[in-house]
Amino acid sequence: MSTLRSLTIGVFAAVALLASAGAAGADIYDKFQYSDSDSGTFTDCGTPWSYDFHTAGFVLLRLDDDGDLLLFQDNGSFTNTVTNLETGRHITFSGHALFREVEAVRVGDIVTVDVRQSGVPLVASSDTGQVIARDRGLIVLRQTFEVVDHDLVFLDEQVVADHGGHPLYYSSFCDVALPATS
């Protein structure tokens, strides 16, 4: 998973192993709205940065066909303004997307999840408001996890299909943010 994607979106796979079989048979396990904000500093690319992150959306958790894994669906949006503390210039990452785990398969301790992400999941804009790059359309990912002590440990993510173009998905934070804030 690209550093840029993990920094700007903060999406974590939400496939979860159910502790009990009591929930089996229910299609929708849970649903809720969320909103959150965070700010702070970090160092990347040999440069100190600050960030101001805001997100909101709606989550739906549903059982897979076997009734033993929860599949995650998130219809949300976010903005993350990242400032280069050496220059004072900033770049804004924003997006609105539907992130949906559509299928999960467990073989032993390995869980493979197919994820569809559609919409405009990521836009990078300069501090003058100019769009630097934009992901749009549908990207299908296959994520692989290992079950370790009832927790899922991320192993790998592969792009299965890219319809519409997702240049930021394939870019590093440094490749996008440094030129925009220098």
C-alpha atoms as a PDB file:
ATOM      1  CA  MET A   1       0.000   0.000   0.000  1.00  0.00           C
ATOM      2  CA  SER A   2       1.489   3.370  -0.918  1.00  0.00           C
ATOM      3  CA  THR A   3       2.696   5.704   1.826  1.00  0.00           C
ATOM      4  CA  LEU A   4       0.546   8.441   0.294  1.00  0.00           C
ATOM      5  CA  ARG A   5      -2.610   6.357   0.492  1.00  0.00           C
ATOM      6  CA  SER A   6      -2.041   5.286   4.075  1.00  0.00           C
ATOM      7  CA  LEU A   7      -1.203   8.839   5.195  1.00  0.00           C
ATOM      8  CA  THR A   8      -4.075  10.583   3.487  1.00  0.00           C
ATOM      9  CA  ILE A   9      -6.906   8.154   3.775  1.00  0.00           C
ATOM     10  CA  GLY A  10      -5.984   6.110   6.797  1.00  0.00           C
ATOM     11  CA  VAL A  11      -8.181   3.276   5.569  1.00  0.00           C
ATOM     12  CA  PHE A  12      -7.639   0.077   7.493  1.00  0.00           C
ATOM     13  CA  ALA A  13      -9.187  -3.186   6.476  1.00  0.00           C
ATOM     14  CA  ALA A  14     -12.137  -3.835   8.713  1.00  0.00           C
ATOM     15  CA  VAL A  15     -12.672  -7.468   7.936  1.00  0.00           C
ATOM     16  CA  ALA A  16     -13.054  -8.966  11.390  1.00  0.00           C
ATOM     17  CA  LEU A  17     -13.302 -12.466  12.711  1.00  0.00           C
ATOM     18  CA  LEU A  18     -16.449 -12.983  14.723  1.00  0.00           C
ATOM     19  CA  ALA A  19     -15.842 -14.152  18.254  1.00  0.00           C
ATOM     20  CA  SER A  20     -19.071 -16.142  18.354  1.00  0.00           C
ATOM     21  CA  ALA A  21     -21.330 -17.780  15.854  1.00  0.00           C
ATOM     22  CA  GLY A  22     -24.374 -16.186  17.470  1.00  0.00           C
ATOM     23  CA  ALA A  23     -24.554 -13.445  14.853  1.00  0.00           C
ATOM     24  CA  ALA A  24     -24.701 -15.862  11.934  1.00  0.00           C
ATOM     25  CA  GLY A  25     -27.763 -15.530   9.751  1.00  0.00           C
ATOM     26  CA  ALA A  26     -28.013 -11.732  10.060  1.00  0.00           C
ATOM     27  CA  ASP A  27     -27.088  -9.849   6.902  1.00  0.00           C
ATOM     28  CA  ILE A  28     -26.331  -6.505   8.570  1.00  0.00           C
ATOM     29  CA  TYR A  29     -24.178  -6.806  11.668  1.00  0.00           C
ATOM     30  CA  ASP A  30     -23.914  -3.098  12.534  1.00  0.00           C
ATOM     31  CA  LYS A  31     -24.141   0.367  11.009  1.00  0.00           C
ATOM     32  CA  PHE A  32     -23.036   3.744  12.302  1.00  0.00           C
ATOM     33  CA  GLN A  33     -22.002   7.264  11.350  1.00  0.00           C
ATOM     34  CA  TYR A  34     -18.619   8.683  12.258  1.00  0.00           C
ATOM     35  CA  SER A  35     -16.665  11.906  12.234  1.00  0.00           C
ATOM     36  CA  ASP A  36     -13.171  12.552  13.484  1.00  0.00           C
ATOM     37  CA  SER A  37     -10.419  15.126  13.415  1.00  0.00           C
ATOM     38  CA  ASP A  38      -6.729  14.925  14.193  1.00  0.00           C
ATOM     39  CA  SER A  39      -3.693  17.135  13.873  1.00  0.00           C
ATOM     40  CA  GLY A  40      -0.020  16.781  14.619  1.00  0.00           C
ATOM     41  CA  THR A  41       3.452  16.657  13.169  1.00  0.00           C
ATOM     42  CA  PHE A  42       5.626  14.035  11.516  1.00  0.00           C
ATOM     43  CA  THR A  43       8.839  13.781   9.525  1.00  0.00           C
ATOM     44  CA  ASP A  44       8.992  12.195   6.077  1.00  0.00           C
ATOM     45  CA  CYS A  45      11.267  12.733   3.061  1.00  0.00           C
ATOM     46  CA  GLY A  46      13.765  14.326   5.489  1.00  0.00           C
ATOM     47  CA  THR A  47      11.267  17.180   6.016  1.00  0.00           C
ATOM     48  CA  PRO A  48       9.150  18.136   9.041  1.00  0.00           C
ATOM     49  CA  TRP A  49       5.393  18.374   8.339  1.00  0.00           C
ATOM     50  CA  SER A  50       2.217  19.254  10.181  1.00  0.00           C
ATOM     51  CA  TYR A  51      -1.196  17.900   9.288  1.00  0.00           C
ATOM     52  CA  ASP A  52      -4.837  18.773   9.958  1.00  0.00           C
ATOM     53  CA  PHE A  53      -7.152  15.845   9.171  1.00  0.00           C
ATOM     54  CA  HIS A  54     -10.994  15.717   9.134  1.00  0.00           C
ATOM     55  CA  THR A  55     -13.231  12.811   8.107  1.00  0.00           C
ATOM     56  CA  ALA A  56     -16.908  11.850   8.235  1.00  0.00           C
ATOM     57  CA  GLY A  57     -19.025   9.092   6.817  1.00  0.00           C
ATOM     58  CA  PHE A  58     -21.282   6.105   7.258  1.00  0.00           C
ATOM     59  CA  VAL A  59     -20.145   2.516   7.922  1.00  0.00           C
ATOM     60  CA  LEU A  60     -22.101  -0.666   7.317  1.00  0.00           C
ATOM     61  CA  LEU A  61     -20.808  -4.011   8.627  1.00  0.00           C
ATOM     62  CA  ARG A  62     -22.338  -7.134   7.147  1.00  0.00           C
ATOM     63  CA  LEU A  63     -21.658 -10.828   7.402  1.00  0.00           C
ATOM     64  CA  ASP A  64     -20.094 -12.714   4.529  1.00  0.00           C
ATOM     65  CA  ASP A  65     -21.937 -15.659   2.974  1.00  0.00           C
ATOM     66  CA  ASP A  66     -20.406 -18.119   5.469  1.00  0.00           C
ATOM     67  CA  GLY A  67     -21.383 -15.962   8.462  1.00  0.00           C
ATOM     68  CA  ASP A  68     -17.917 -15.929  10.036  1.00  0.00           C
ATOM     69  CA  LEU A  69     -16.337 -12.740   8.670  1.00  0.00           C
ATOM     70  CA  LEU A  70     -17.532  -9.150   8.830  1.00  0.00           C
ATOM     71  CA  LEU A  71     -17.301  -7.181   5.602  1.00  0.00           C
ATOM     72  CA  PHE A  72     -16.786  -3.424   5.808  1.00  0.00           C
ATOM     73  CA  GLN A  73     -18.440  -0.726   3.707  1.00  0.00           C
ATOM     74  CA  ASP A  74     -17.549   2.943   4.188  1.00  0.00           C
ATOM     75  CA  ASN A  75     -19.199   5.841   2.373  1.00  0.00           C
ATOM     76  CA  GLY A  76     -17.072   8.728   3.557  1.00  0.00           C
ATOM     77  CA  SER A  77     -15.138  11.861   2.823  1.00  0.00           C
ATOM     78  CA  PHE A  78     -12.013  13.463   4.232  1.00  0.00           C
ATOM     79  CA  THR A  79      -9.638  16.410   3.958  1.00  0.00           C
ATOM     80  CA  ASN A  80      -6.041  16.399   5.105  1.00  0.00           C
ATOM     81  CA  THR A  81      -4.034  19.609   4.859  1.00  0.00           C
ATOM     82  CA  VAL A  82      -0.313  18.862   5.138  1.00  0.00           C
ATOM     83  CA  THR A  83       2.098  21.771   5.631  1.00  0.00           C
ATOM     84  CA  ASN A  84       5.818  21.715   4.899  1.00  0.00           C
ATOM     85  CA  LEU A  85       7.191  23.318   8.073  1.00  0.00           C
ATOM     86  CA  GLU A  86      10.393  24.407   6.296  1.00  0.00           C
ATOM     87  CA  THR A  87       8.584  26.459   3.614  1.00  0.00           C
ATOM     88  CA  GLY A  88       5.167  27.141   5.160  1.00  0.00           C
ATOM     89  CA  ARG A  89       3.470  25.900   1.987  1.00  0.00           C
ATOM     90  CA  HIS A  90       0.769  23.234   2.130  1.00  0.00           C
ATOM     91  CA  ILE A  91      -0.910  20.597   0.025  1.00  0.00           C
ATOM     92  CA  THR A  92      -4.468  19.393   0.598  1.00  0.00           C
ATOM     93  CA  PHE A  93      -5.545  15.811   0.076  1.00  0.00           C
ATOM     94  CA  SER A  94      -9.289  15.262  -0.078  1.00  0.00           C
ATOM     95  CA  GLY A  95     -11.730  12.712  -1.326  1.00  0.00           C
ATOM     96  CA  HIS A  96     -15.145  11.111  -1.251  1.00  0.00           C
ATOM     97  CA  ALA A  97     -15.464   7.437  -1.978  1.00  0.00           C
ATOM     98  CA  LEU A  98     -17.374   4.260  -1.403  1.00  0.00           C
ATOM     99  CA  PHE A  99     -14.968   1.638  -0.017  1.00  0.00           C
ATOM    100  CA  ARG A 100     -16.615  -1.789  -0.016  1.00  0.00           C
ATOM    101  CA  GLU A 101     -15.259  -5.203   0.867  1.00  0.00           C
ATOM    102  CA  VAL A 102     -17.278  -7.421  -1.467  1.00  0.00           C
ATOM    103  CA  GLU A 103     -15.944 -10.890  -0.761  1.00  0.00           C
ATOM    104  CA  ALA A 104     -13.744 -12.589   1.807  1.00  0.00           C
ATOM    105  CA  VAL A 105     -12.298 -16.073   1.614  1.00  0.00           C
ATOM    106  CA  ARG A 106     -10.574 -17.784   4.511  1.00  0.00           C
ATOM    107  CA  VAL A 107      -8.291 -20.761   3.904  1.00  0.00           C
ATOM    108  CA  GLY A 108      -6.667 -21.845   7.140  1.00  0.00           C
ATOM    109  CA  ASP A 109      -5.052 -18.754   8.667  1.00  0.00           C
ATOM    110  CA  ILE A 110      -5.043 -16.746   5.407  1.00  0.00           C
ATOM    111  CA  VAL A 111      -7.903 -14.345   4.630  1.00  0.00           C
ATOM    112  CA  THR A 112      -8.196 -12.801   1.157  1.00  0.00           C
ATOM    113  CA  VAL A 113     -10.547  -9.852   0.697  1.00  0.00           C
ATOM    114  CA  ASP A 114     -11.678  -8.251  -2.556  1.00  0.00           C
ATOM    115  CA  VAL A 115     -12.262  -4.518  -2.132  1.00  0.00           C
ATOM    116  CA  ARG A 116     -13.986  -2.104  -4.529  1.00  0.00           C
ATOM    117  CA  GLN A 117     -13.340   1.591  -4.139  1.00  0.00           C
ATOM    118  CA  SER A 118     -15.325   3.965  -6.333  1.00  0.00           C
ATOM    119  CA  GLY A 119     -15.819   7.704  -6.594  1.00  0.00           C
ATOM    120  CA  VAL A 120     -13.090  10.305  -6.272  1.00  0.00           C
ATOM    121  CA  PRO A 121     -11.106   8.711  -3.448  1.00  0.00           C
ATOM    122  CA  LEU A 122      -8.170  11.095  -3.581  1.00  0.00           C
ATOM    123  CA  VAL A 123      -7.457  14.583  -4.938  1.00  0.00           C
ATOM    124  CA  ALA A 124      -4.229  16.477  -4.299  1.00  0.00           C
ATOM    125  CA  SER A 125      -4.471  20.294  -4.498  1.00  0.00           C
ATOM    126  CA  SER A 126      -1.792  22.941  -4.107  1.00  0.00           C
ATOM    127  CA  ASP A 127      -2.042  25.845  -1.680  1.00  0.00           C
ATOM    128  CA  THR A 128      -3.241  27.978  -4.620  1.00  0.00           C
ATOM    129  CA  GLY A 129      -6.167  25.583  -5.177  1.00  0.00           C
ATOM    130  CA  GLN A 130      -4.763  24.007  -8.351  1.00  0.00           C
ATOM    131  CA  VAL A 131      -5.496  20.282  -8.687  1.00  0.00           C
ATOM    132  CA  ILE A 132      -2.167  18.466  -8.926  1.00  0.00           C
ATOM    133  CA  ALA A 133      -3.543  14.958  -9.429  1.00  0.00           C
ATOM    134  CA  ARG A 134      -6.837  13.128  -9.008  1.00  0.00           C
ATOM    135  CA  ASP A 135      -7.847   9.503  -8.598  1.00  0.00           C
ATOM    136  CA  ARG A 136     -11.303   8.691  -9.952  1.00  0.00           C
ATOM    137  CA  GLY A 137     -13.431   5.810 -11.063  1.00  0.00           C
ATOM    138  CA  LEU A 138     -13.229   2.259  -9.750  1.00  0.00           C
ATOM    139  CA  ILE A 139     -10.200   0.465  -8.375  1.00  0.00           C
ATOM    140  CA  VAL A 140     -10.465  -3.162  -7.275  1.00  0.00           C
ATOM    141  CA  LEU A 141      -7.942  -4.396  -4.743  1.00  0.00           C
ATOM    142  CA  ARG A 142      -7.172  -7.857  -3.390  1.00  0.00           C
ATOM    143  CA  GLN A 143      -5.896  -7.674   0.192  1.00  0.00           C
ATOM    144  CA  THR A 144      -4.344 -10.623   1.997  1.00  0.00           C
ATOM    145  CA  PHE A 145      -4.179 -11.053   5.777  1.00  0.00           C
ATOM    146  CA  GLU A 146      -2.946 -13.707   8.170  1.00  0.00           C
ATOM    147  CA  VAL A 147      -4.906 -14.602  11.297  1.00  0.00           C
ATOM    148  CA  VAL A 148      -2.547 -14.352  14.274  1.00  0.00           C
ATOM    149  CA  ASP A 149      -4.010 -14.744  17.780  1.00  0.00           C
ATOM    150  CA  HIS A 150      -7.515 -13.836  16.508  1.00  0.00           C
ATOM    151  CA  ASP A 151      -6.215 -10.624  14.877  1.00  0.00           C
ATOM    152  CA  LEU A 152      -5.704  -9.930  11.179  1.00  0.00           C
ATOM    153  CA  VAL A 153      -2.163  -9.025  10.147  1.00  0.00           C
ATOM    154  CA  PHE A 154      -1.878  -7.274   6.761  1.00  0.00           C
ATOM    155  CA  LEU A 155       0.345  -9.160   4.298  1.00  0.00           C
ATOM    156  CA  ASP A 156      -0.226  -7.781   0.806  1.00  0.00           C
ATOM    157  CA  GLU A 157      -2.398  -5.692  -1.496  1.00  0.00           C
ATOM    158  CA  GLN A 158      -2.638  -6.067  -5.267  1.00  0.00           C
ATOM    159  CA  VAL A 159      -4.552  -4.017  -7.814  1.00  0.00           C
ATOM    160  CA  VAL A 160      -6.929  -6.344  -9.674  1.00  0.00           C
ATOM    161  CA  ALA A 161      -8.524  -3.652 -11.880  1.00  0.00           C
ATOM    162  CA  ASP A 162      -8.133   0.115 -12.344  1.00  0.00           C
ATOM    163  CA  HIS A 163     -10.966   1.803 -14.255  1.00  0.00           C
ATOM    164  CA  GLY A 164     -10.735   5.570 -14.490  1.00  0.00           C
ATOM    165  CA  GLY A 165      -7.162   6.153 -13.366  1.00  0.00           C
ATOM    166  CA  HIS A 166      -5.617   6.315  -9.902  1.00  0.00           C
ATOM    167  CA  PRO A 167      -2.211   7.999 -10.282  1.00  0.00           C
ATOM    168  CA  LEU A 168      -2.065   8.957  -6.596  1.00  0.00           C
ATOM    169  CA  TYR A 169      -2.567   5.355  -5.504  1.00  0.00           C
ATOM    170  CA  TYR A 170       0.731   4.487  -7.203  1.00  0.00           C
ATOM    171  CA  SER A 171       2.602   7.582  -5.921  1.00  0.00           C
ATOM    172  CA  SER A 172       4.548   8.114  -2.740  1.00  0.00           C
ATOM    173  CA  PHE A 173       3.793  10.978  -0.391  1.00  0.00           C
ATOM    174  CA  CYS A 174       7.265  12.448  -1.047  1.00  0.00           C
ATOM    175  CA  ASP A 175       6.819  12.384  -4.845  1.00  0.00           C
ATOM    176  CA  VAL A 176       3.592  14.408  -4.578  1.00  0.00           C
ATOM    177  CA  ALA A 177       4.032  16.653  -1.530  1.00  0.00           C
ATOM    178  CA  LEU A 178       7.641  17.840  -1.901  1.00  0.00           C
ATOM    179  CA  PRO A 179       7.307  19.443  -5.358  1.00  0.00           C
ATOM    180  CA  ALA A 180       3.990  21.068  -4.359  1.00  0.00           C
ATOM    181  CA  THR A 181       5.343  22.616  -1.159  1.00  0.00           C
ATOM    182  CA  SER A 182       8.937  23.543  -2.087  1.00  0.00           C
END
